[in-house]
């Protein structure tokens, strides 16, 4: 027998609370909403807080808020008049306004309500943004910012000014559309409507069969309008978990968005009962157990929700600062970054950062919504990085620009190699994107 050795070791005990915290951190915003609603339904010690605005977070009397938002709102304040939503699918339009308001400053709320109420039966704006700005006496950038927010939360094609823009907006949301379809819509829609497929093919320099297939895809998958007033189910739209904003000279601003999640609190009746020892002693042992266990579970769940939000905000802030050049200049400025580096900078375990990144979406300062994982480019293949660069580009990049951006991510490729990968992935040339 060699004897026993005594020593000290530090380890991590996996508790139910730790497991629940890790689970909540993994959930994207839409699934978190359902989890919160399930907890609210199953735990009587949880209550929906009526004093907090679901959009701006302000506290006050129920239904009163500086941004005039509320889940039961059924009227939209417009610039100069009131519009009764009962005449135009009130519930759906009110939900659209509430969702878009999360992406905008409170001062844009009246303008948002005006634009939504002003949509025609096809879901089109009746005037382009520059004319709207002139007619309303506001900056054109404010109009465009509000339009971007409406489009991000509404069905694809909403807030277009004409048929071409409506189709292109739907094309932006499609994952499997033929690459040649975009120039067909932009420049040759009239010829397509007259059946001149051969002429279109010659002008684009592609086979007629390719044009015919793309035309069939358009007729099958795209719609000429969006009708909100018929109760049609709107296709799912991305809702960002994080919003990145840049202000000159300041650190990148990051906001965690939870626009549809109910605001929770401990139920006042349970809190009052637990604090009243005389009333508590008057309960039976099983009843006291229900009160104490329900309150404990509710408090733990609220703590884990707060921890999820803080962790996601910390990770988002670190990512935004490391990729500040990308946020300001576009995909060509994306720098190599790993989850391990972010974890080390924040003093977190790498698995925690991985959970915070998985399935989350971020809204860039340009308004585009991309996967948060796309900002971690070094560990992916060259083809995956190339696809992410093209998906995030504000203006089309040349093959040489793409080669330079890939090199900064650790993939040193020639321009011809980039062109080869681009063609293999079905990504059209710069002048066709």
Protein backbone atom coordinates (compact mmCIF):
# COMPACT_ATOMS: atom_id res chain seq x y z
CA UNK A 1 0.00 0.00 0.00
CA UNK A 2 1.43 3.35 -0.98
CA UNK A 3 -0.76 5.41 1.36
CA UNK A 4 -3.16 8.25 0.78
CA UNK A 5 -2.45 11.72 -0.54
CA UNK A 6 -4.57 14.62 0.60
CA UNK A 7 -4.96 17.74 -1.49
CA UNK A 8 -7.31 20.51 -2.50
CA UNK A 9 -8.96 20.89 -5.89
CA UNK A 10 -11.43 23.44 -7.23
CA UNK A 11 -14.29 22.15 -9.34
CA UNK A 12 -17.62 23.28 -10.72
CA UNK A 13 -20.75 21.77 -9.24
CA UNK A 14 -23.53 21.53 -11.81
CA UNK A 15 -26.68 22.77 -10.07
CA UNK A 16 -30.21 23.00 -11.52
CA UNK A 17 -29.91 26.81 -11.44
CA UNK A 18 -26.67 26.66 -13.43
CA UNK A 19 -28.26 24.36 -15.99
CA UNK A 20 -31.27 26.68 -16.30
CA UNK A 21 -29.01 29.70 -16.74
CA UNK A 22 -27.04 28.00 -19.51
CA UNK A 23 -30.28 26.93 -21.18
CA UNK A 24 -31.74 30.45 -21.16
CA UNK A 25 -28.52 31.90 -22.56
CA UNK A 26 -28.70 29.48 -25.49
CA UNK A 27 -32.23 30.51 -26.46
CA UNK A 28 -32.71 33.06 -29.25
CA UNK A 29 -35.20 35.84 -28.62
CA UNK A 30 -38.27 34.16 -30.13
CA UNK A 31 -37.76 30.94 -28.13
CA UNK A 32 -37.00 32.92 -24.98
CA UNK A 33 -40.38 34.62 -25.34
CA UNK A 34 -42.12 31.24 -25.31
CA UNK A 35 -40.06 30.06 -22.34
CA UNK A 36 -41.04 33.18 -20.38
CA UNK A 37 -44.70 32.68 -21.20
CA UNK A 38 -44.50 29.02 -20.12
CA UNK A 39 -42.96 30.00 -16.77
CA UNK A 40 -45.60 32.70 -16.32
CA UNK A 41 -48.36 30.13 -16.91
CA UNK A 42 -46.87 27.44 -14.65
CA UNK A 43 -45.63 29.43 -11.65
CA UNK A 44 -48.32 31.35 -9.70
CA UNK A 45 -45.62 33.39 -7.93
CA UNK A 46 -44.70 35.05 -11.24
CA UNK A 47 -46.74 37.99 -12.47
CA UNK A 48 -46.69 40.17 -15.56
CA UNK A 49 -45.56 43.64 -14.55
CA UNK A 50 -48.21 46.16 -15.69
CA UNK A 51 -46.07 49.19 -14.86
CA UNK A 52 -43.31 48.66 -17.43
CA UNK A 53 -43.58 49.65 -21.07
CA UNK A 54 -42.73 46.66 -23.29
CA UNK A 55 -41.03 48.97 -25.80
CA UNK A 56 -38.99 51.57 -23.92
CA UNK A 57 -38.99 50.10 -20.41
CA UNK A 58 -40.38 53.20 -18.72
CA UNK A 59 -42.33 52.69 -15.50
CA UNK A 60 -45.57 54.43 -14.61
CA UNK A 61 -49.30 53.88 -14.63
CA UNK A 62 -50.46 50.91 -16.74
CA UNK A 63 -50.88 51.87 -20.37
CA UNK A 64 -49.14 55.25 -19.96
CA UNK A 65 -45.70 55.73 -21.48
CA UNK A 66 -43.65 58.43 -23.12
CA UNK A 67 -43.53 56.39 -26.34
CA UNK A 68 -47.33 55.82 -26.29
CA UNK A 69 -46.88 52.07 -26.73
CA UNK A 70 -48.89 49.34 -25.13
CA UNK A 71 -49.83 45.75 -25.91
CA UNK A 72 -53.53 46.64 -25.92
CA UNK A 73 -53.23 49.75 -28.05
CA UNK A 74 -55.73 49.79 -30.89
CA UNK A 75 -55.31 53.33 -32.22
CA UNK A 76 -52.37 54.88 -34.01
CA UNK A 77 -51.51 58.53 -33.47
CA UNK A 78 -50.62 60.05 -36.82
CA UNK A 79 -48.98 63.31 -37.80
CA UNK A 80 -51.99 65.59 -37.56
CA UNK A 81 -54.85 63.10 -37.16
CA UNK A 82 -56.04 59.86 -35.56
CA UNK A 83 -56.55 56.70 -37.59
CA UNK A 84 -58.80 53.97 -36.24
CA UNK A 85 -57.09 50.65 -36.85
CA UNK A 86 -60.37 48.78 -36.64
CA UNK A 87 -60.89 49.68 -40.28
CA UNK A 88 -57.57 48.14 -41.34
CA UNK A 89 -56.76 44.93 -39.46
CA UNK A 90 -56.24 46.75 -36.17
CA UNK A 91 -54.50 43.99 -34.26
CA UNK A 92 -52.02 43.18 -37.00
CA UNK A 93 -51.04 46.78 -37.66
CA UNK A 94 -50.78 47.58 -33.95
CA UNK A 95 -48.46 44.59 -33.49
CA UNK A 96 -46.40 45.81 -36.45
CA UNK A 97 -46.03 49.23 -34.85
CA UNK A 98 -45.08 47.77 -31.46
CA UNK A 99 -42.45 45.52 -33.04
CA UNK A 100 -40.91 48.25 -35.20
CA UNK A 101 -40.87 50.73 -32.30
CA UNK A 102 -38.26 48.61 -30.52
CA UNK A 103 -35.77 49.36 -33.30
CA UNK A 104 -36.32 53.13 -33.21
CA UNK A 105 -35.81 56.02 -30.79
CA UNK A 106 -39.02 57.11 -29.01
CA UNK A 107 -39.02 60.39 -30.96
CA UNK A 108 -39.69 58.43 -34.17
CA UNK A 109 -42.84 56.80 -32.78
CA UNK A 110 -45.38 59.30 -34.25
CA UNK A 111 -43.65 59.08 -37.63
CA UNK A 112 -43.74 55.28 -37.48
CA UNK A 113 -47.46 55.32 -36.74
CA UNK A 114 -48.10 57.75 -39.60
CA UNK A 115 -46.25 55.62 -42.16
CA UNK A 116 -47.95 52.38 -41.11
CA UNK A 117 -51.37 54.00 -41.21
CA UNK A 118 -50.56 55.51 -44.62
CA UNK A 119 -49.79 52.17 -46.34
CA UNK A 120 -52.23 51.38 -49.13
CA UNK A 121 -54.09 48.09 -49.57
CA UNK A 122 -51.06 46.57 -51.32
CA UNK A 123 -48.72 47.43 -48.45
CA UNK A 124 -47.07 50.14 -50.62
CA UNK A 125 -46.03 53.64 -49.62
CA UNK A 126 -47.87 56.17 -51.75
CA UNK A 127 -44.77 58.37 -52.09
CA UNK A 128 -41.02 57.77 -52.13
CA UNK A 129 -39.08 58.70 -48.95
CA UNK A 130 -37.78 61.97 -50.36
CA UNK A 131 -41.28 63.21 -51.13
CA UNK A 132 -42.60 62.04 -47.77
CA UNK A 133 -39.80 63.94 -46.05
CA UNK A 134 -40.59 67.11 -47.97
CA UNK A 135 -44.35 66.83 -47.38
CA UNK A 136 -43.97 66.15 -43.64
CA UNK A 137 -41.13 68.59 -43.09
CA UNK A 138 -38.75 66.03 -41.56
CA UNK A 139 -35.28 64.77 -42.49
CA UNK A 140 -35.25 62.13 -45.22
CA UNK A 141 -32.93 59.93 -43.13
CA UNK A 142 -35.63 59.73 -40.45
CA UNK A 143 -38.13 58.50 -43.03
CA UNK A 144 -35.69 55.91 -44.32
CA UNK A 145 -34.83 54.77 -40.78
CA UNK A 146 -38.49 54.20 -39.97
CA UNK A 147 -39.09 52.41 -43.28
CA UNK A 148 -36.15 50.07 -42.55
CA UNK A 149 -37.60 49.23 -39.15
CA UNK A 150 -41.05 48.45 -40.61
CA UNK A 151 -39.50 46.21 -43.25
CA UNK A 152 -37.44 44.31 -40.70
CA UNK A 153 -40.44 43.24 -38.63
CA UNK A 154 -43.09 43.02 -41.36
CA UNK A 155 -43.62 40.57 -44.21
CA UNK A 156 -41.13 40.76 -47.08
CA UNK A 157 -42.16 43.38 -49.63
CA UNK A 158 -43.86 45.70 -47.17
CA UNK A 159 -43.27 49.47 -47.50
CA UNK A 160 -42.21 49.29 -51.15
CA UNK A 161 -42.90 52.27 -53.40
CA UNK A 162 -43.56 50.22 -56.54
CA UNK A 163 -43.73 46.68 -57.93
CA UNK A 164 -40.00 46.42 -58.66
CA UNK A 165 -39.02 47.36 -55.12
CA UNK A 166 -41.65 45.03 -53.66
CA UNK A 167 -40.22 42.07 -55.61
CA UNK A 168 -36.62 43.00 -54.76
CA UNK A 169 -37.44 43.18 -51.05
CA UNK A 170 -38.89 39.68 -51.23
CA UNK A 171 -35.81 38.56 -53.12
CA UNK A 172 -33.59 39.91 -50.32
CA UNK A 173 -35.43 37.67 -47.86
CA UNK A 174 -35.20 34.55 -50.06
CA UNK A 175 -32.35 32.09 -49.58
CA UNK A 176 -32.59 30.01 -52.74
CA UNK A 177 -33.51 32.46 -55.51
CA UNK A 178 -31.58 32.25 -58.83
CA UNK A 179 -28.82 34.86 -59.01
CA UNK A 180 -29.97 36.11 -62.42
CA UNK A 181 -33.41 37.01 -61.04
CA UNK A 182 -32.27 40.31 -59.51
CA UNK A 183 -31.12 41.98 -62.76
CA UNK A 184 -34.20 40.52 -64.48
CA UNK A 185 -36.46 42.33 -62.00
CA UNK A 186 -34.44 45.53 -61.90
CA UNK A 187 -34.11 46.11 -65.63
CA UNK A 188 -36.30 43.74 -67.64
CA UNK A 189 -39.61 43.29 -65.83
CA UNK A 190 -41.64 44.80 -68.68
CA UNK A 191 -40.06 42.43 -71.24
CA UNK A 192 -40.68 39.46 -68.96
CA UNK A 193 -44.34 40.41 -68.68
CA UNK A 194 -44.55 40.40 -72.49
CA UNK A 195 -42.93 36.98 -72.69
CA UNK A 196 -39.70 38.21 -74.31
CA UNK A 197 -37.48 35.72 -72.49
CA UNK A 198 -35.07 35.36 -75.39
CA UNK A 199 -34.44 39.09 -75.53
CA UNK A 200 -33.81 39.22 -71.79
CA UNK A 201 -31.41 36.29 -72.01
CA UNK A 202 -29.41 37.97 -74.79
CA UNK A 203 -29.16 41.24 -72.88
CA UNK A 204 -27.98 39.46 -69.74
CA UNK A 205 -25.67 37.08 -71.59
CA UNK A 206 -27.16 33.91 -70.07
CA UNK A 207 -28.98 30.88 -71.55
CA UNK A 208 -32.71 31.21 -72.20
CA UNK A 209 -33.32 28.21 -69.96
CA UNK A 210 -31.78 30.04 -67.03
CA UNK A 211 -34.05 33.04 -67.62
CA UNK A 212 -37.10 30.77 -67.96
CA UNK A 213 -36.28 28.99 -64.68
CA UNK A 214 -35.82 32.30 -62.86
CA UNK A 215 -39.08 33.64 -64.32
CA UNK A 216 -40.84 30.52 -63.06
CA UNK A 217 -39.33 31.05 -59.61
CA UNK A 218 -40.59 34.62 -59.55
CA UNK A 219 -44.14 33.63 -60.50
CA UNK A 220 -44.17 30.79 -57.95
CA UNK A 221 -42.44 32.33 -54.93
CA UNK A 222 -42.85 36.11 -55.14
CA UNK A 223 -45.98 38.24 -54.80
CA UNK A 224 -46.82 41.58 -56.43
CA UNK A 225 -48.08 43.06 -53.16
CA UNK A 226 -48.51 42.51 -49.43
CA UNK A 227 -52.07 42.70 -48.14
CA UNK A 228 -52.14 43.26 -44.39
CA UNK A 229 -55.90 43.77 -44.32
CA UNK A 230 -56.87 40.23 -45.39
CA UNK A 231 -55.52 38.46 -42.37
CA UNK A 232 -52.89 36.59 -44.37
CA UNK A 233 -50.22 34.89 -42.31
CA UNK A 234 -47.04 36.91 -42.65
CA UNK A 235 -43.83 35.00 -43.26
CA UNK A 236 -41.48 34.85 -40.29
CA UNK A 237 -39.05 37.74 -40.13
CA UNK A 238 -35.79 37.96 -38.27
CA UNK A 239 -35.94 39.75 -34.95
CA UNK A 240 -32.52 40.86 -33.72
CA UNK A 241 -31.34 39.84 -30.27
CA UNK A 242 -28.81 42.70 -30.27
CA UNK A 243 -28.76 46.12 -31.91
CA UNK A 244 -25.37 47.72 -32.66
CA UNK A 245 -25.06 51.48 -33.08
CA UNK A 246 -22.05 53.71 -33.64
CA UNK A 247 -21.53 57.29 -32.45
CA UNK A 248 -18.37 59.11 -33.46
CA UNK A 249 -15.80 59.14 -30.68
CA UNK A 250 -17.87 56.94 -28.34
CA UNK A 251 -17.69 53.19 -27.67
CA UNK A 252 -20.01 51.08 -29.77
CA UNK A 253 -23.51 51.04 -28.33
CA UNK A 254 -25.21 47.69 -27.84
CA UNK A 255 -28.82 47.08 -26.88
CA UNK A 256 -30.37 43.75 -25.98
CA UNK A 257 -33.84 43.61 -27.51
CA UNK A 258 -36.76 41.70 -26.01
CA UNK A 259 -39.73 43.38 -27.72
CA UNK A 260 -42.32 40.67 -27.19
CA UNK A 261 -41.20 39.20 -23.88
CA UNK A 262 -43.59 39.89 -20.98
CA UNK A 263 -42.02 41.93 -18.19
CA UNK A 264 -42.09 39.78 -15.08
CA UNK A 265 -42.10 40.40 -11.34
CA UNK A 266 -42.81 38.42 -8.19
CA UNK A 267 -46.55 38.27 -7.65
CA UNK A 268 -47.46 40.90 -5.00
CA UNK A 269 -49.91 38.54 -3.25
CA UNK A 270 -47.24 35.87 -2.82
CA UNK A 271 -44.68 38.42 -1.59
CA UNK A 272 -47.20 39.82 0.89
CA UNK A 273 -48.15 36.36 2.12
CA UNK A 274 -44.53 35.28 2.60
CA UNK A 275 -43.81 38.44 4.63
CA UNK A 276 -46.83 37.93 6.90
CA UNK A 277 -45.66 35.22 9.30
CA UNK A 278 -49.03 34.97 11.05
CA UNK A 279 -50.88 34.29 7.80
CA UNK A 280 -48.14 31.91 6.67
CA UNK A 281 -48.37 29.88 9.90
CA UNK A 282 -52.13 29.61 9.35
CA UNK A 283 -51.56 27.63 6.17
CA UNK A 284 -51.18 23.88 6.04
CA UNK A 285 -47.70 22.45 5.55
CA UNK A 286 -48.33 21.58 1.85
CA UNK A 287 -49.67 25.11 1.22
CA UNK A 288 -46.63 26.72 2.87
CA UNK A 289 -44.41 24.50 0.72
CA UNK A 290 -46.19 25.69 -2.43
CA UNK A 291 -45.75 29.35 -1.46
CA UNK A 292 -42.09 29.11 -0.53
CA UNK A 293 -41.11 26.85 -3.43
CA UNK A 294 -43.01 28.95 -5.98
CA UNK A 295 -41.40 32.16 -4.74
CA UNK A 296 -37.94 30.60 -4.72
CA UNK A 297 -38.35 29.24 -8.26
CA UNK A 298 -39.74 32.57 -9.48
CA UNK A 299 -36.87 34.56 -7.94
CA UNK A 300 -34.33 32.17 -9.44
CA UNK A 301 -35.91 32.44 -12.88
CA UNK A 302 -35.88 36.25 -12.73
CA UNK A 303 -32.23 36.19 -11.67
CA UNK A 304 -31.35 33.90 -14.58
CA UNK A 305 -33.20 36.14 -17.03
CA UNK A 306 -31.25 39.13 -15.78
CA UNK A 307 -27.98 37.19 -15.98
CA UNK A 308 -28.77 36.16 -19.57
CA UNK A 309 -29.38 39.76 -20.56
CA UNK A 310 -26.18 40.97 -18.86
CA UNK A 311 -24.07 38.21 -20.41
CA UNK A 312 -25.48 38.77 -23.89
CA UNK A 313 -24.89 42.51 -23.53
CA UNK A 314 -21.28 41.98 -22.36
CA UNK A 315 -20.51 39.60 -25.23
CA UNK A 316 -22.20 41.91 -27.73
CA UNK A 317 -20.28 44.93 -26.48
CA UNK A 318 -16.94 43.13 -26.71
CA UNK A 319 -17.72 41.89 -30.22
CA UNK A 320 -18.87 45.36 -31.32
CA UNK A 321 -15.68 47.00 -30.04
CA UNK A 322 -13.44 44.40 -31.70
CA UNK A 323 -15.35 44.74 -34.98
CA UNK A 324 -15.85 48.50 -34.83
CA UNK A 325 -14.12 48.95 -38.19
CA UNK A 326 -16.47 46.39 -39.74
CA UNK A 327 -19.52 48.20 -38.29
CA UNK A 328 -18.26 51.50 -39.67
CA UNK A 329 -16.85 50.44 -43.04
CA UNK A 330 -18.41 47.12 -44.03
CA UNK A 331 -17.32 43.50 -44.52
CA UNK A 332 -13.91 44.33 -45.97
CA UNK A 333 -12.88 45.54 -42.49
CA UNK A 334 -13.93 42.36 -40.64
CA UNK A 335 -11.00 41.20 -38.48
CA UNK A 336 -10.16 37.70 -37.19
CA UNK A 337 -11.83 36.92 -33.89
CA UNK A 338 -12.54 33.75 -31.93
CA UNK A 339 -14.93 32.89 -29.13
CA UNK A 340 -11.96 31.98 -26.96
CA UNK A 341 -10.51 35.49 -27.32
CA UNK A 342 -13.81 37.10 -26.36
CA UNK A 343 -14.19 34.72 -23.41
CA UNK A 344 -10.70 35.51 -22.14
CA UNK A 345 -11.29 39.26 -22.41
CA UNK A 346 -14.52 39.01 -20.39
CA UNK A 347 -13.35 36.42 -17.87
CA UNK A 348 -15.97 33.92 -19.06
CA UNK A 349 -15.75 30.29 -20.08
CA UNK A 350 -15.58 29.76 -23.82
CA UNK A 351 -18.73 27.60 -23.68
CA UNK A 352 -20.62 30.57 -22.17
CA UNK A 353 -19.64 32.78 -25.10
CA UNK A 354 -20.57 30.01 -27.53
CA UNK A 355 -24.03 29.77 -25.96
CA UNK A 356 -24.43 33.55 -26.09
CA UNK A 357 -23.52 33.59 -29.80
CA UNK A 358 -25.45 30.51 -30.98
CA UNK A 359 -28.69 31.31 -32.78
CA UNK A 360 -28.50 35.04 -32.05
CA UNK A 361 -29.00 37.81 -34.61
CA UNK A 362 -27.63 41.31 -34.58
CA UNK A 363 -28.83 44.45 -36.32
CA UNK A 364 -25.91 46.39 -37.80
CA UNK A 365 -25.81 50.22 -37.94
CA UNK A 366 -26.83 49.94 -41.62
CA UNK A 367 -30.09 48.23 -40.58
CA UNK A 368 -29.07 44.83 -41.99
CA UNK A 369 -29.65 41.86 -39.67
CA UNK A 370 -26.95 39.17 -39.67
CA UNK A 371 -26.06 36.18 -37.52
CA UNK A 372 -23.85 37.15 -34.60
CA UNK A 373 -21.73 34.10 -35.46
CA UNK A 374 -20.86 35.75 -38.80
CA UNK A 375 -18.69 38.22 -36.91
CA UNK A 376 -16.48 35.32 -35.80
CA UNK A 377 -14.82 34.50 -39.10
CA UNK A 378 -11.42 32.98 -38.46
CA UNK A 379 -12.52 29.43 -37.69
CA UNK A 380 -14.75 29.03 -40.72
CA UNK A 381 -13.83 27.77 -44.15
CA UNK A 382 -12.94 30.22 -46.90
CA UNK A 383 -16.24 29.47 -48.66
CA UNK A 384 -18.26 30.17 -45.50
CA UNK A 385 -16.38 33.42 -44.92
CA UNK A 386 -16.94 34.45 -48.53
CA UNK A 387 -20.67 33.79 -48.27
CA UNK A 388 -20.87 35.84 -45.04
CA UNK A 389 -18.92 38.74 -46.57
CA UNK A 390 -21.25 38.93 -49.56
CA UNK A 391 -24.34 38.60 -47.35
CA UNK A 392 -23.22 41.55 -45.21
CA UNK A 393 -21.97 43.88 -47.94
CA UNK A 394 -23.68 47.28 -48.19
CA UNK A 395 -22.21 47.89 -51.67
CA UNK A 396 -21.03 45.01 -53.90
CA UNK A 397 -17.34 44.19 -53.46
CA UNK A 398 -15.01 43.22 -56.27
CA UNK A 399 -13.19 39.88 -56.24
CA UNK A 400 -9.99 41.76 -55.32
CA UNK A 401 -11.74 43.43 -52.38
CA UNK A 402 -13.16 40.08 -51.26
CA UNK A 403 -9.69 38.52 -51.50
CA UNK A 404 -8.30 41.27 -49.26
CA UNK A 405 -11.12 40.84 -46.72
CA UNK A 406 -10.62 37.06 -46.67
CA UNK A 407 -6.90 37.56 -46.12
CA UNK A 408 -7.60 39.61 -43.01
CA UNK A 409 -9.67 36.68 -41.75
CA UNK A 410 -6.80 34.25 -42.23
CA UNK A 411 -7.70 32.93 -45.71
CA UNK A 412 -5.06 34.15 -48.17
CA UNK A 413 -6.51 33.59 -51.64
CA UNK A 414 -5.80 35.02 -55.06
CA UNK A 415 -8.45 36.94 -56.95
CA UNK A 416 -8.94 34.01 -59.34
CA UNK A 417 -9.46 31.64 -56.39
CA UNK A 418 -12.09 33.97 -54.97
CA UNK A 419 -13.84 34.05 -58.36
CA UNK A 420 -13.78 30.24 -58.46
CA UNK A 421 -15.26 29.92 -54.97
CA UNK A 422 -17.84 32.58 -55.77
CA UNK A 423 -18.99 30.72 -58.85
CA UNK A 424 -19.15 27.43 -56.94
CA UNK A 425 -21.37 29.08 -54.32
CA UNK A 426 -23.66 30.56 -56.99
CA UNK A 427 -22.77 34.15 -56.05
CA UNK A 428 -23.09 36.45 -59.06
CA UNK A 429 -20.39 38.87 -60.16
CA UNK A 430 -20.16 42.31 -58.63
CA UNK A 431 -22.14 44.09 -61.35
CA UNK A 432 -25.03 41.63 -60.93
CA UNK A 433 -25.33 41.88 -57.16
